[in-house]
Structure formats: structure tokens, C-alpha cells
Amino acid sequence: MLESLREKFLVVGLIGLLLNLIGCSSNPVITPADRTLSPKQTATASTLPEQNLQWGGIVIAVSNLAESSEVEILAYPLDEQGRPMRQSTSIGRFIASQPGYLEAGDYPSGRLVTATGRIAEIRAGQVGEAAYDFPVMLCEQLALWPEQRESRSKPRIRFGFGASSGGSSYGGIGIGFGF
């Protein structure tokens, strides 16, 4: 009977671990593209690049047009997975143009996105009262990153004690800790 109980706890523990791992894999799959040019470099170049580029950053605003939606993005360098690195210095701004309608509530200001596509034009615009030239990317992929919870500065350590009779004369005591 003790072996059966152990097997049940093992199966329940493995199922819990599997569900936890599945829940953690909500990051988007980013198709690789050229990351060598920044939006600032592209805005001042004499010719538009012909290859697909990949930029990402923080959503500033979303505008819905008749046949497409445009997302203004403050760009940051990307890590190996294509996620924008907010702790780095900005590499410029750009507009990601996506066919169809994007719900502004799904792309709120401050969310991280990664865009992949070709540059269609350099559009004169404004940031506040300053003139700004925006590269406009026709997106093949616009990936929204899940929100990250703020990490606590203090470590979270828990201690626990337990005892069990095991339902017969066999008993046990356990001590554990976790993070």
C-alpha cells in the first residue's frame, strides 16, 4: 500500500511539473531576419534595404487605418530569442504596418513587440514637437511578448515541516525548503 501511495504522489508531481513547463512556454516563435541595421541607420540611409529586417521594442501607439493598422515602436536591441532588451539604449523609432485591424487593447502602450518585414518608405513625422523620420516596416510577423511580472529584490525562501503515519505503523517525518 505504501508503494501505491508513493506512485500516486510521483504521478501527481510529474503532472504538476509538466503543466508548469507548458505554462511557461508562452513566448512567441520569432522567424530570424537581418538585425544589423537599426531604425536610426535606416532612416538616414540613401537607399532602402531590400532584405527583411527585424526590430523590436516598446509599443508607443496604435493607429487603425482603412485597410491596415500601424504601431509606433520605440526600438531596442534584440536578444538571441528576438525579445527587445529594455535595459539597453534605444536604437530609434519605427512604424510597423500590419494588414487588417489590430485591437489597440491587445497592443497597449508599454508592451514589448518584435516585428519582421521589409521597409516600404521613410515617413516624415513628429515626436512631440520635434521632426522625426520614421522607417515604415510592412510586417510579415508582428509578435507580442507576454507581460513579465516584476521580480522581487528580496529572495523568497520557504521552510516546511511535515509528519505522516502512513496509515499503519510505518511513519515518516520530512523537512524541506523551497524558493
C-alpha atoms as a PDB file:
ATOM      1  CA  MET A   1       0.000   0.000   0.000  1.00  0.00           C
ATOM      2  CA  LEU A   2       2.875   2.350   0.785  1.00  0.00           C
ATOM      3  CA  GLU A   3       4.348   1.755  -2.698  1.00  0.00           C
ATOM      4  CA  SER A   4       0.976   2.524  -4.311  1.00  0.00           C
ATOM      5  CA  LEU A   5       0.734   5.786  -2.374  1.00  0.00           C
ATOM      6  CA  ARG A   6       4.257   6.778  -3.412  1.00  0.00           C
ATOM      7  CA  GLU A   7       3.476   6.016  -7.049  1.00  0.00           C
ATOM      8  CA  LYS A   8       0.351   8.198  -6.892  1.00  0.00           C
ATOM      9  CA  PHE A   9       2.314  11.117  -5.413  1.00  0.00           C
ATOM     10  CA  LEU A  10       5.010  10.668  -8.057  1.00  0.00           C
ATOM     11  CA  VAL A  11       2.460  10.713 -10.888  1.00  0.00           C
ATOM     12  CA  VAL A  12       0.682  13.785  -9.453  1.00  0.00           C
ATOM     13  CA  GLY A  13       4.041  15.566  -9.018  1.00  0.00           C
ATOM     14  CA  LEU A  14       5.113  14.784 -12.588  1.00  0.00           C
ATOM     15  CA  ILE A  15       1.796  16.019 -13.988  1.00  0.00           C
ATOM     16  CA  GLY A  16       2.147  19.252 -11.996  1.00  0.00           C
ATOM     17  CA  LEU A  17       5.688  19.753 -13.278  1.00  0.00           C
ATOM     18  CA  LEU A  18       4.602  19.131 -16.876  1.00  0.00           C
ATOM     19  CA  LEU A  19       1.718  21.612 -16.601  1.00  0.00           C
ATOM     20  CA  ASN A  20       4.070  24.204 -15.128  1.00  0.00           C
ATOM     21  CA  LEU A  21       6.532  23.762 -18.001  1.00  0.00           C
ATOM     22  CA  ILE A  22       3.756  24.046 -20.589  1.00  0.00           C
ATOM     23  CA  GLY A  23       2.521  27.257 -18.952  1.00  0.00           C
ATOM     24  CA  CYS A  24       5.999  28.809 -19.103  1.00  0.00           C
ATOM     25  CA  SER A  25       6.383  28.358 -22.854  1.00  0.00           C
ATOM     26  CA  SER A  26       4.144  31.230 -23.963  1.00  0.00           C
ATOM     27  CA  ASN A  27       6.908  33.207 -25.702  1.00  0.00           C
ATOM     28  CA  PRO A  28       6.314  33.803 -29.404  1.00  0.00           C
ATOM     29  CA  VAL A  29       8.346  31.951 -32.020  1.00  0.00           C
ATOM     30  CA  ILE A  30      10.310  34.597 -33.926  1.00  0.00           C
ATOM     31  CA  THR A  31      11.396  33.917 -37.523  1.00  0.00           C
ATOM     32  CA  PRO A  32      15.029  35.110 -37.873  1.00  0.00           C
ATOM     33  CA  ALA A  33      15.859  38.077 -40.130  1.00  0.00           C
ATOM     34  CA  ASP A  34      18.592  40.697 -40.542  1.00  0.00           C
ATOM     35  CA  ARG A  35      19.209  42.711 -37.370  1.00  0.00           C
ATOM     36  CA  THR A  36      22.345  44.556 -38.483  1.00  0.00           C
ATOM     37  CA  LEU A  37      20.617  47.839 -39.413  1.00  0.00           C
ATOM     38  CA  SER A  38      18.868  49.947 -36.792  1.00  0.00           C
ATOM     39  CA  PRO A  39      15.828  52.155 -37.423  1.00  0.00           C
ATOM     40  CA  LYS A  40      18.072  55.249 -36.990  1.00  0.00           C
ATOM     41  CA  GLN A  41      20.541  53.959 -39.605  1.00  0.00           C
ATOM     42  CA  THR A  42      17.746  53.021 -41.999  1.00  0.00           C
ATOM     43  CA  ALA A  43      16.053  56.443 -41.674  1.00  0.00           C
ATOM     44  CA  THR A  44      19.253  58.221 -42.735  1.00  0.00           C
ATOM     45  CA  ALA A  45      20.387  55.762 -45.451  1.00  0.00           C
ATOM     46  CA  SER A  46      20.425  56.895 -49.080  1.00  0.00           C
ATOM     47  CA  THR A  47      18.565  53.751 -50.241  1.00  0.00           C
ATOM     48  CA  LEU A  48      16.050  51.456 -48.573  1.00  0.00           C
ATOM     49  CA  PRO A  49      17.288  47.964 -47.670  1.00  0.00           C
ATOM     50  CA  GLU A  50      15.810  45.183 -49.798  1.00  0.00           C
ATOM     51  CA  GLN A  51      16.103  42.345 -47.267  1.00  0.00           C
ATOM     52  CA  ASN A  52      13.737  41.555 -44.407  1.00  0.00           C
ATOM     53  CA  LEU A  53      14.729  43.322 -41.206  1.00  0.00           C
ATOM     54  CA  GLN A  54      13.855  42.513 -37.629  1.00  0.00           C
ATOM     55  CA  TRP A  55      13.348  45.150 -34.969  1.00  0.00           C
ATOM     56  CA  GLY A  56      11.542  45.202 -31.682  1.00  0.00           C
ATOM     57  CA  GLY A  57      10.753  47.461 -28.799  1.00  0.00           C
ATOM     58  CA  ILE A  58       8.019  49.105 -26.790  1.00  0.00           C
ATOM     59  CA  VAL A  59       4.628  49.989 -28.242  1.00  0.00           C
ATOM     60  CA  ILE A  60       4.088  53.751 -28.177  1.00  0.00           C
ATOM     61  CA  ALA A  61       0.742  53.976 -30.016  1.00  0.00           C
ATOM     62  CA  VAL A  62      -1.576  52.070 -32.378  1.00  0.00           C
ATOM     63  CA  SER A  63      -3.455  53.692 -35.284  1.00  0.00           C
ATOM     64  CA  ASN A  64      -6.125  51.806 -37.210  1.00  0.00           C
ATOM     65  CA  LEU A  65      -6.487  52.824 -40.848  1.00  0.00           C
ATOM     66  CA  ALA A  66      -8.992  51.705 -43.503  1.00  0.00           C
ATOM     67  CA  GLU A  67      -7.083  48.562 -44.552  1.00  0.00           C
ATOM     68  CA  SER A  68      -4.192  48.280 -42.089  1.00  0.00           C
ATOM     69  CA  SER A  69      -3.000  49.134 -38.618  1.00  0.00           C
ATOM     70  CA  GLU A  70       0.170  50.979 -37.704  1.00  0.00           C
ATOM     71  CA  VAL A  71       2.101  50.530 -34.481  1.00  0.00           C
ATOM     72  CA  GLU A  72       4.643  53.176 -33.485  1.00  0.00           C
ATOM     73  CA  ILE A  73       7.506  51.424 -31.679  1.00  0.00           C
ATOM     74  CA  LEU A  74      10.466  52.716 -29.670  1.00  0.00           C
ATOM     75  CA  ALA A  75      13.143  50.220 -30.731  1.00  0.00           C
ATOM     76  CA  TYR A  76      15.729  48.410 -28.598  1.00  0.00           C
ATOM     77  CA  PRO A  77      18.356  45.798 -29.491  1.00  0.00           C
ATOM     78  CA  LEU A  78      17.054  42.224 -29.536  1.00  0.00           C
ATOM     79  CA  ASP A  79      18.363  39.264 -27.554  1.00  0.00           C
ATOM     80  CA  GLU A  80      19.009  35.811 -29.053  1.00  0.00           C
ATOM     81  CA  GLN A  81      15.294  34.947 -28.917  1.00  0.00           C
ATOM     82  CA  GLY A  82      14.268  38.214 -30.581  1.00  0.00           C
ATOM     83  CA  ARG A  83      12.979  39.826 -27.381  1.00  0.00           C
ATOM     84  CA  PRO A  84      13.667  43.583 -27.024  1.00  0.00           C
ATOM     85  CA  MET A  85      16.188  44.411 -24.289  1.00  0.00           C
ATOM     86  CA  ARG A  86      14.656  47.406 -22.473  1.00  0.00           C
ATOM     87  CA  GLN A  87      17.730  47.919 -20.289  1.00  0.00           C
ATOM     88  CA  SER A  88      19.727  48.892 -23.410  1.00  0.00           C
ATOM     89  CA  THR A  89      19.798  52.287 -25.108  1.00  0.00           C
ATOM     90  CA  SER A  90      17.086  52.893 -27.710  1.00  0.00           C
ATOM     91  CA  ILE A  91      18.098  52.412 -31.364  1.00  0.00           C
ATOM     92  CA  GLY A  92      15.382  54.679 -32.801  1.00  0.00           C
ATOM     93  CA  ARG A  93      11.702  54.573 -33.631  1.00  0.00           C
ATOM     94  CA  PHE A  94       9.794  52.940 -36.442  1.00  0.00           C
ATOM     95  CA  ILE A  95       6.269  52.228 -37.605  1.00  0.00           C
ATOM     96  CA  ALA A  96       5.164  48.617 -38.021  1.00  0.00           C
ATOM     97  CA  SER A  97       2.368  48.382 -40.606  1.00  0.00           C
ATOM     98  CA  GLN A  98       0.174  45.283 -40.317  1.00  0.00           C
ATOM     99  CA  PRO A  99      -2.619  44.405 -42.787  1.00  0.00           C
ATOM    100  CA  GLY A 100      -6.089  44.380 -41.247  1.00  0.00           C
ATOM    101  CA  TYR A 101      -7.264  45.551 -37.864  1.00  0.00           C
ATOM    102  CA  LEU A 102      -5.240  45.335 -34.643  1.00  0.00           C
ATOM    103  CA  GLU A 103      -7.090  45.791 -31.388  1.00  0.00           C
ATOM    104  CA  ALA A 104      -5.355  48.647 -29.569  1.00  0.00           C
ATOM    105  CA  GLY A 105      -6.266  46.995 -26.264  1.00  0.00           C
ATOM    106  CA  ASP A 106      -4.130  43.990 -27.238  1.00  0.00           C
ATOM    107  CA  TYR A 107      -1.178  46.269 -28.070  1.00  0.00           C
ATOM    108  CA  PRO A 108      -1.229  48.805 -25.223  1.00  0.00           C
ATOM    109  CA  SER A 109       1.474  51.386 -24.737  1.00  0.00           C
ATOM    110  CA  GLY A 110       4.469  49.838 -22.988  1.00  0.00           C
ATOM    111  CA  ARG A 111       4.083  46.252 -24.280  1.00  0.00           C
ATOM    112  CA  LEU A 112       7.053  44.576 -25.970  1.00  0.00           C
ATOM    113  CA  VAL A 113       6.789  43.523 -29.630  1.00  0.00           C
ATOM    114  CA  THR A 114       9.108  42.178 -32.318  1.00  0.00           C
ATOM    115  CA  ALA A 115       8.436  42.980 -35.979  1.00  0.00           C
ATOM    116  CA  THR A 116       9.846  41.310 -39.087  1.00  0.00           C
ATOM    117  CA  GLY A 117       9.384  42.678 -42.593  1.00  0.00           C
ATOM    118  CA  ARG A 118      10.554  44.971 -45.389  1.00  0.00           C
ATOM    119  CA  ILE A 119      10.931  48.729 -45.243  1.00  0.00           C
ATOM    120  CA  ALA A 120       8.397  50.399 -47.557  1.00  0.00           C
ATOM    121  CA  GLU A 121       9.267  54.053 -47.007  1.00  0.00           C
ATOM    122  CA  ILE A 122      10.720  56.681 -44.711  1.00  0.00           C
ATOM    123  CA  ARG A 123       7.863  58.862 -43.458  1.00  0.00           C
ATOM    124  CA  ALA A 124       8.297  62.348 -42.012  1.00  0.00           C
ATOM    125  CA  GLY A 125       6.526  62.683 -38.701  1.00  0.00           C
ATOM    126  CA  GLN A 126       6.772  64.181 -35.252  1.00  0.00           C
ATOM    127  CA  VAL A 127       7.784  63.061 -31.782  1.00  0.00           C
ATOM    128  CA  GLY A 128       6.242  65.693 -29.577  1.00  0.00           C
ATOM    129  CA  GLU A 129       7.163  68.930 -31.323  1.00  0.00           C
ATOM    130  CA  ALA A 130      10.358  67.556 -32.883  1.00  0.00           C
ATOM    131  CA  ALA A 131      10.515  66.434 -36.519  1.00  0.00           C
ATOM    132  CA  TYR A 132      11.310  62.725 -36.894  1.00  0.00           C
ATOM    133  CA  ASP A 133      11.822  60.399 -39.877  1.00  0.00           C
ATOM    134  CA  PHE A 134      10.161  57.018 -39.299  1.00  0.00           C
ATOM    135  CA  PRO A 135      11.059  53.884 -41.271  1.00  0.00           C
ATOM    136  CA  VAL A 136       7.772  52.149 -42.113  1.00  0.00           C
ATOM    137  CA  MET A 137       8.024  48.348 -41.997  1.00  0.00           C
ATOM    138  CA  LEU A 138       5.472  46.200 -43.857  1.00  0.00           C
ATOM    139  CA  CYS A 139       5.221  43.369 -41.347  1.00  0.00           C
ATOM    140  CA  GLU A 140       5.277  39.710 -42.209  1.00  0.00           C
ATOM    141  CA  GLN A 141       5.292  38.969 -38.490  1.00  0.00           C
ATOM    142  CA  LEU A 142       4.369  41.141 -35.518  1.00  0.00           C
ATOM    143  CA  ALA A 143       4.918  39.207 -32.299  1.00  0.00           C
ATOM    144  CA  LEU A 144       3.547  40.421 -28.969  1.00  0.00           C
ATOM    145  CA  TRP A 145       5.600  39.325 -25.951  1.00  0.00           C
ATOM    146  CA  PRO A 146       3.840  38.224 -22.769  1.00  0.00           C
ATOM    147  CA  GLU A 147       3.968  40.660 -19.879  1.00  0.00           C
ATOM    148  CA  GLN A 148       6.656  39.908 -17.317  1.00  0.00           C
ATOM    149  CA  ARG A 149       5.980  40.193 -13.639  1.00  0.00           C
ATOM    150  CA  GLU A 150       8.243  42.455 -11.677  1.00  0.00           C
ATOM    151  CA  SER A 151      10.884  40.458  -9.849  1.00  0.00           C
ATOM    152  CA  ARG A 152      11.233  40.994  -6.146  1.00  0.00           C
ATOM    153  CA  SER A 153      14.502  42.262  -4.810  1.00  0.00           C
ATOM    154  CA  LYS A 154      14.303  40.046  -1.712  1.00  0.00           C
ATOM    155  CA  PRO A 155      14.736  36.294  -2.097  1.00  0.00           C
ATOM    156  CA  ARG A 156      11.644  34.258  -1.344  1.00  0.00           C
ATOM    157  CA  ILE A 157      12.590  31.247   0.773  1.00  0.00           C
ATOM    158  CA  ARG A 158      10.067  28.948   2.441  1.00  0.00           C
ATOM    159  CA  PHE A 159      10.634  26.265   5.050  1.00  0.00           C
ATOM    160  CA  GLY A 160       8.249  23.431   5.829  1.00  0.00           C
ATOM    161  CA  PHE A 161       7.913  20.511   8.195  1.00  0.00           C
ATOM    162  CA  GLY A 162       5.643  17.522   7.890  1.00  0.00           C
ATOM    163  CA  ALA A 163       4.819  14.226   9.547  1.00  0.00           C
ATOM    164  CA  SER A 164       2.730  11.268   8.481  1.00  0.00           C
ATOM    165  CA  SER A 165       1.662   7.967   9.927  1.00  0.00           C
ATOM    166  CA  GLY A 166       1.344   6.385   6.523  1.00  0.00           C
ATOM    167  CA  GLY A 167      -1.906   4.755   7.645  1.00  0.00           C
ATOM    168  CA  SER A 168      -0.161   1.995   9.576  1.00  0.00           C
ATOM    169  CA  SER A 169       2.725   1.537  11.952  1.00  0.00           C
ATOM    170  CA  TYR A 170       5.096   2.984   9.348  1.00  0.00           C
ATOM    171  CA  GLY A 171       5.534   6.673   9.677  1.00  0.00           C
ATOM    172  CA  GLY A 172       7.785   9.391   8.451  1.00  0.00           C
ATOM    173  CA  ILE A 173       8.944  12.895   9.073  1.00  0.00           C
ATOM    174  CA  GLY A 174      10.027  15.299   6.373  1.00  0.00           C
ATOM    175  CA  ILE A 175      11.817  18.604   6.292  1.00  0.00           C
ATOM    176  CA  GLY A 176      12.072  20.730   3.184  1.00  0.00           C
ATOM    177  CA  PHE A 177      12.707  24.191   1.843  1.00  0.00           C
ATOM    178  CA  GLY A 178      11.926  25.943  -1.406  1.00  0.00           C
ATOM    179  CA  PHE A 179      12.457  29.125  -3.332  1.00  0.00           C
END
